Amino acid sequence: MAAIPYAVSYAATDGVLARLEPGERAKVVEVVDGDTVLLDDGWQVRLVGIQAPKLPLGRKNFNKWPLADESKSVLEALVLDRQVTLAYGGQRVDRHGRRLAHLFLGDETWIQGELLSAGMARVYSFPDNRAVVAEMLVAEGSARHAGAGIWGNDWYRVRTPDALARDIGGFQLVEGRVVDAADVRGTVYLNFGADWRSDFTIKVAKRHRKSFEAAGFDLLALKGRTVRVRGWLDEYNGPMIEATHLEQIEILDN
């Protein structure tokens, strides 16, 4: 059983469980990878809100991510053959038929919090599952600053806007200063260089911009600010991440 480095216990008294919808109780009979388990009721559960290093799991031409075995071992040490409580903060089942849940040992230890604080996962949120993402970002940040787990491996390091060409197609965290902010027919583009045709950009489509505005988040006011964004890195007039919800963008120079 693997020891858990840099772990912090996240208890129900911290208020996390109180902000979620309580769900089923079941026993974990198998750990599939660092963020997926199989329960004795037959359901597979994807630990919502996080992304652990990935194993191939039968996928062709899929290279195992660094520390994938270690993250699986840490999750096994936490939950294998133990009763867990499921809790929900948004969409409950994904397109693969897996439950999307937070896991707790009894009413106490929050598994997502444990994995993030151990540096065994990154925050990976969705617009329809945003509950307690703020708490997850804090847990991830503590591990990242300490260089714990994946944060001590260059494969997962936070990128800069000027060195992204080799990272297209991957899930990345990028930090930098917004050089310009443009509104193009309702879609916002946050540009990190002088040439929007080739430099890194964050895109917020018009349909997603509304949720930012509802939260009082002025995207155009980010010009000149230093931010961290997370998401899948695509290629469109240079490297681009599309932000669909508020928690993907963190302002670093408050």
Protein backbone atom coordinates (compact mmCIF):
# COMPACT_ATOMS: atom_id res chain seq x y z
CA MET A 1 0.00 0.00 0.00
CA ALA A 2 1.41 3.38 -0.98
CA ALA A 3 2.08 6.10 1.53
CA ILE A 4 0.34 9.36 0.75
CA PRO A 5 2.82 12.23 0.40
CA TYR A 6 1.87 15.71 1.56
CA ALA A 7 -1.68 14.66 2.41
CA VAL A 8 -4.15 16.92 4.15
CA SER A 9 -7.32 15.49 5.66
CA TYR A 10 -10.45 17.12 4.28
CA ALA A 11 -13.34 16.57 6.69
CA ALA A 12 -17.06 17.20 6.43
CA THR A 13 -16.66 19.89 9.10
CA ASP A 14 -14.73 21.92 6.52
CA GLY A 15 -18.10 22.44 4.80
CA VAL A 16 -17.38 20.53 1.59
CA LEU A 17 -19.92 17.76 2.09
CA ALA A 18 -22.57 20.25 3.21
CA ARG A 19 -22.45 21.94 -0.22
CA LEU A 20 -23.04 18.70 -2.09
CA GLU A 21 -26.07 16.45 -2.61
CA PRO A 22 -25.68 13.25 -0.55
CA GLY A 23 -25.85 10.04 -2.53
CA GLU A 24 -25.30 6.32 -2.29
CA ARG A 25 -23.06 4.28 0.00
CA ALA A 26 -21.12 1.37 -1.47
CA LYS A 27 -17.88 -0.59 -1.22
CA VAL A 28 -14.99 0.00 -3.61
CA VAL A 29 -14.05 -3.36 -5.14
CA GLU A 30 -11.57 -2.14 -7.77
CA VAL A 31 -9.50 0.94 -8.51
CA VAL A 32 -9.34 1.37 -12.28
CA ASP A 33 -6.88 4.26 -12.31
CA GLY A 34 -6.07 7.34 -10.27
CA ASP A 35 -9.52 8.88 -10.64
CA THR A 36 -11.89 5.98 -11.36
CA VAL A 37 -13.25 3.19 -9.14
CA LEU A 38 -15.68 0.28 -9.40
CA LEU A 39 -18.27 -0.24 -6.67
CA ASP A 40 -19.90 -3.41 -5.39
CA ASP A 41 -23.26 -2.20 -6.75
CA GLY A 42 -21.85 -2.48 -10.28
CA TRP A 43 -21.41 1.23 -10.92
CA GLN A 44 -18.15 2.72 -12.09
CA VAL A 45 -17.44 6.12 -10.56
CA ARG A 46 -15.35 8.87 -12.12
CA LEU A 47 -14.11 11.13 -9.32
CA VAL A 48 -15.55 14.39 -10.58
CA GLY A 49 -13.52 17.59 -10.68
CA ILE A 50 -10.07 16.05 -10.91
CA GLN A 51 -7.79 14.48 -13.48
CA ALA A 52 -5.19 11.96 -12.37
CA PRO A 53 -2.33 10.71 -14.58
CA LYS A 54 -3.77 8.34 -17.16
CA LEU A 55 -3.14 4.66 -17.85
CA PRO A 56 -3.68 3.18 -21.35
CA LEU A 57 -6.51 0.88 -20.16
CA GLY A 58 -6.57 -0.93 -23.49
CA ARG A 59 -6.43 2.20 -25.66
CA LYS A 60 -4.20 1.76 -28.71
CA ASN A 61 -1.25 4.11 -29.18
CA PHE A 62 -1.87 5.67 -25.77
CA ASN A 63 1.28 6.34 -23.80
CA LYS A 64 1.02 6.03 -20.05
CA TRP A 65 1.32 9.41 -18.34
CA PRO A 66 4.10 9.89 -15.78
CA LEU A 67 3.11 8.85 -12.24
CA ALA A 68 -0.01 7.02 -13.46
CA ASP A 69 0.86 3.90 -11.48
CA GLU A 70 1.66 5.95 -8.39
CA SER A 71 -1.64 7.84 -8.49
CA LYS A 72 -3.56 4.59 -8.82
CA SER A 73 -1.68 3.17 -5.84
CA VAL A 74 -2.49 6.21 -3.71
CA LEU A 75 -6.19 5.90 -4.51
CA GLU A 76 -6.06 2.18 -3.73
CA ALA A 77 -4.51 2.95 -0.36
CA LEU A 78 -7.36 5.33 0.39
CA VAL A 79 -10.47 3.46 -0.75
CA LEU A 80 -9.94 -0.13 -1.92
CA ASP A 81 -12.19 -2.57 0.00
CA ARG A 82 -13.67 0.31 2.00
CA GLN A 83 -17.17 1.75 2.23
CA VAL A 84 -17.50 5.17 0.61
CA THR A 85 -20.23 7.78 0.46
CA LEU A 86 -21.00 9.40 -2.89
CA ALA A 87 -21.99 13.06 -3.14
CA TYR A 88 -22.95 15.13 -6.15
CA GLY A 89 -22.51 18.73 -7.25
CA GLY A 90 -23.88 18.71 -10.78
CA GLN A 91 -24.42 16.25 -13.62
CA ARG A 92 -24.50 12.76 -12.10
CA VAL A 93 -23.71 10.44 -15.03
CA ASP A 94 -21.34 10.99 -17.95
CA ARG A 95 -21.65 9.87 -21.56
CA HIS A 96 -19.77 6.68 -20.73
CA GLY A 97 -22.38 5.68 -18.16
CA ARG A 98 -20.17 6.39 -15.14
CA ARG A 99 -21.33 8.16 -12.02
CA LEU A 100 -19.73 11.59 -11.58
CA ALA A 101 -19.32 11.92 -7.83
CA HIS A 102 -17.25 13.14 -4.95
CA LEU A 103 -16.17 10.32 -2.64
CA PHE A 104 -15.99 10.43 1.14
CA LEU A 105 -14.82 7.87 3.67
CA GLY A 106 -17.80 7.83 6.00
CA ASP A 107 -18.75 11.46 6.50
CA GLU A 108 -15.19 12.58 7.02
CA THR A 109 -12.35 12.22 4.52
CA TRP A 110 -12.88 13.85 1.12
CA ILE A 111 -11.04 11.74 -1.45
CA GLN A 112 -10.71 14.45 -4.11
CA GLY A 113 -9.14 16.73 -1.51
CA GLU A 114 -6.71 14.02 -0.44
CA LEU A 115 -5.56 13.29 -3.99
CA LEU A 116 -5.13 16.95 -4.89
CA SER A 117 -3.23 17.80 -1.72
CA ALA A 118 -0.98 14.79 -2.29
CA GLY A 119 -0.13 16.05 -5.78
CA MET A 120 -1.73 13.02 -7.39
CA ALA A 121 -4.26 14.90 -9.53
CA ARG A 122 -5.08 18.24 -11.13
CA VAL A 123 -8.34 20.17 -10.94
CA TYR A 124 -10.38 19.34 -14.05
CA SER A 125 -13.79 21.00 -13.87
CA PHE A 126 -16.76 21.35 -16.19
CA PRO A 127 -19.48 24.00 -16.53
CA ASP A 128 -22.14 21.53 -15.38
CA ASN A 129 -20.13 20.32 -12.35
CA ARG A 130 -18.63 23.32 -10.57
CA ALA A 131 -19.47 22.64 -6.93
CA VAL A 132 -16.52 22.98 -4.49
CA VAL A 133 -14.06 23.68 -7.33
CA ALA A 134 -12.74 26.63 -5.31
CA GLU A 135 -11.76 24.26 -2.50
CA MET A 136 -10.15 21.90 -5.00
CA LEU A 137 -8.07 24.72 -6.45
CA VAL A 138 -6.76 25.53 -2.97
CA ALA A 139 -5.78 21.90 -2.39
CA GLU A 140 -4.07 21.68 -5.78
CA GLY A 141 -2.25 24.95 -5.19
CA SER A 142 -0.75 23.78 -1.91
CA ALA A 143 0.66 20.67 -3.56
CA ARG A 144 1.89 22.59 -6.59
CA HIS A 145 3.78 25.12 -4.47
CA ALA A 146 5.38 22.27 -2.54
CA GLY A 147 6.34 20.37 -5.70
CA ALA A 148 4.46 17.33 -4.42
CA GLY A 149 3.62 14.36 -6.61
CA ILE A 150 3.03 15.29 -10.24
CA TRP A 151 4.19 18.85 -9.61
CA GLY A 152 7.74 17.62 -9.25
CA ASN A 153 7.60 16.16 -12.77
CA ASP A 154 8.31 18.40 -15.77
CA TRP A 155 5.52 16.73 -17.77
CA TYR A 156 2.94 18.51 -15.58
CA ARG A 157 4.69 21.83 -15.00
CA VAL A 158 2.77 25.05 -15.54
CA ARG A 159 3.54 26.36 -19.03
CA THR A 160 4.35 29.88 -20.22
CA PRO A 161 2.53 31.38 -23.23
CA ASP A 162 5.65 31.49 -25.41
CA ALA A 163 6.52 27.78 -25.20
CA LEU A 164 3.43 25.78 -26.11
CA ALA A 165 4.06 24.38 -29.58
CA ARG A 166 4.92 20.89 -28.28
CA ASP A 167 1.90 20.76 -25.97
CA ILE A 168 -0.93 21.03 -28.51
CA GLY A 169 -3.60 18.43 -27.81
CA GLY A 170 -2.82 18.11 -24.11
CA PHE A 171 -4.48 19.37 -20.95
CA GLN A 172 -2.30 22.20 -19.67
CA LEU A 173 -2.02 24.95 -17.10
CA VAL A 174 -0.66 28.17 -18.60
CA GLU A 175 0.39 31.32 -16.72
CA GLY A 176 1.09 34.70 -18.27
CA ARG A 177 0.13 38.34 -18.74
CA VAL A 178 -2.85 39.25 -20.91
CA VAL A 179 -1.52 41.69 -23.52
CA ASP A 180 -4.87 42.50 -25.09
CA ALA A 181 -8.57 41.68 -24.65
CA ALA A 182 -10.94 41.85 -27.61
CA ASP A 183 -14.70 41.47 -28.03
CA VAL A 184 -15.47 40.01 -31.46
CA ARG A 185 -19.24 39.76 -31.96
CA GLY A 186 -19.73 38.75 -28.35
CA THR A 187 -16.85 36.28 -28.15
CA VAL A 188 -13.92 37.40 -25.99
CA TYR A 189 -10.32 36.72 -26.96
CA LEU A 190 -7.58 37.22 -24.38
CA ASN A 191 -4.29 37.52 -26.25
CA PHE A 192 -0.91 36.89 -24.64
CA GLY A 193 1.27 38.30 -27.41
CA ALA A 194 1.40 41.09 -29.97
CA ASP A 195 0.27 38.85 -32.86
CA TRP A 196 -3.09 37.19 -32.24
CA ARG A 197 -2.58 35.09 -35.37
CA SER A 198 0.27 33.14 -33.78
CA ASP A 199 0.46 33.84 -30.04
CA PHE A 200 -1.38 32.07 -27.23
CA THR A 201 -5.02 33.04 -26.74
CA ILE A 202 -7.85 32.26 -24.34
CA LYS A 203 -11.23 32.15 -26.06
CA VAL A 204 -14.55 32.61 -24.24
CA ALA A 205 -17.44 32.02 -26.63
CA LYS A 206 -20.51 34.25 -26.44
CA ARG A 207 -22.66 31.44 -25.03
CA HIS A 208 -20.20 30.91 -22.16
CA ARG A 209 -19.47 34.59 -21.54
CA LYS A 210 -22.88 35.02 -19.91
CA SER A 211 -21.93 32.85 -16.93
CA PHE A 212 -18.79 34.94 -16.35
CA GLU A 213 -20.82 38.14 -16.45
CA ALA A 214 -23.46 36.70 -14.11
CA ALA A 215 -20.68 36.17 -11.56
CA GLY A 216 -19.45 39.74 -11.99
CA PHE A 217 -16.31 38.61 -13.83
CA ASP A 218 -15.32 41.22 -16.45
CA LEU A 219 -13.23 39.37 -19.00
CA LEU A 220 -12.23 42.52 -20.89
CA ALA A 221 -10.81 43.96 -17.67
CA LEU A 222 -8.18 41.21 -17.67
CA LYS A 223 -6.00 43.20 -20.08
CA GLY A 224 -2.69 43.76 -18.33
CA ARG A 225 -3.42 41.18 -15.64
CA THR A 226 -1.48 38.00 -14.92
CA VAL A 227 -3.64 34.89 -14.99
CA ARG A 228 -3.48 31.12 -14.89
CA VAL A 229 -5.76 29.20 -17.25
CA ARG A 230 -6.33 25.46 -17.51
CA GLY A 231 -7.84 23.43 -20.31
CA TRP A 232 -7.20 21.46 -23.47
CA LEU A 233 -4.69 23.21 -25.69
CA ASP A 234 -5.79 23.47 -29.32
CA GLU A 235 -4.25 25.09 -32.40
CA TYR A 236 -6.23 27.96 -33.94
CA ASN A 237 -4.26 31.04 -34.95
CA GLY A 238 -1.64 29.81 -32.52
CA PRO A 239 -2.13 27.85 -29.31
CA MET A 240 -5.57 28.36 -27.77
CA ILE A 241 -7.53 27.26 -24.71
CA GLU A 242 -11.30 27.72 -24.70
CA ALA A 243 -12.66 28.65 -21.28
CA THR A 244 -16.25 27.59 -20.68
CA HIS A 245 -16.59 28.51 -17.00
CA LEU A 246 -15.20 30.85 -14.39
CA GLU A 247 -12.99 28.43 -12.48
CA GLN A 248 -10.72 27.81 -15.48
CA ILE A 249 -9.20 31.29 -15.13
CA GLU A 250 -7.41 32.37 -11.95
CA ILE A 251 -6.20 35.95 -11.49
CA LEU A 252 -2.71 35.86 -9.97
CA ASP A 253 -1.91 39.53 -9.35
CA ASN A 254 -4.73 40.51 -7.00
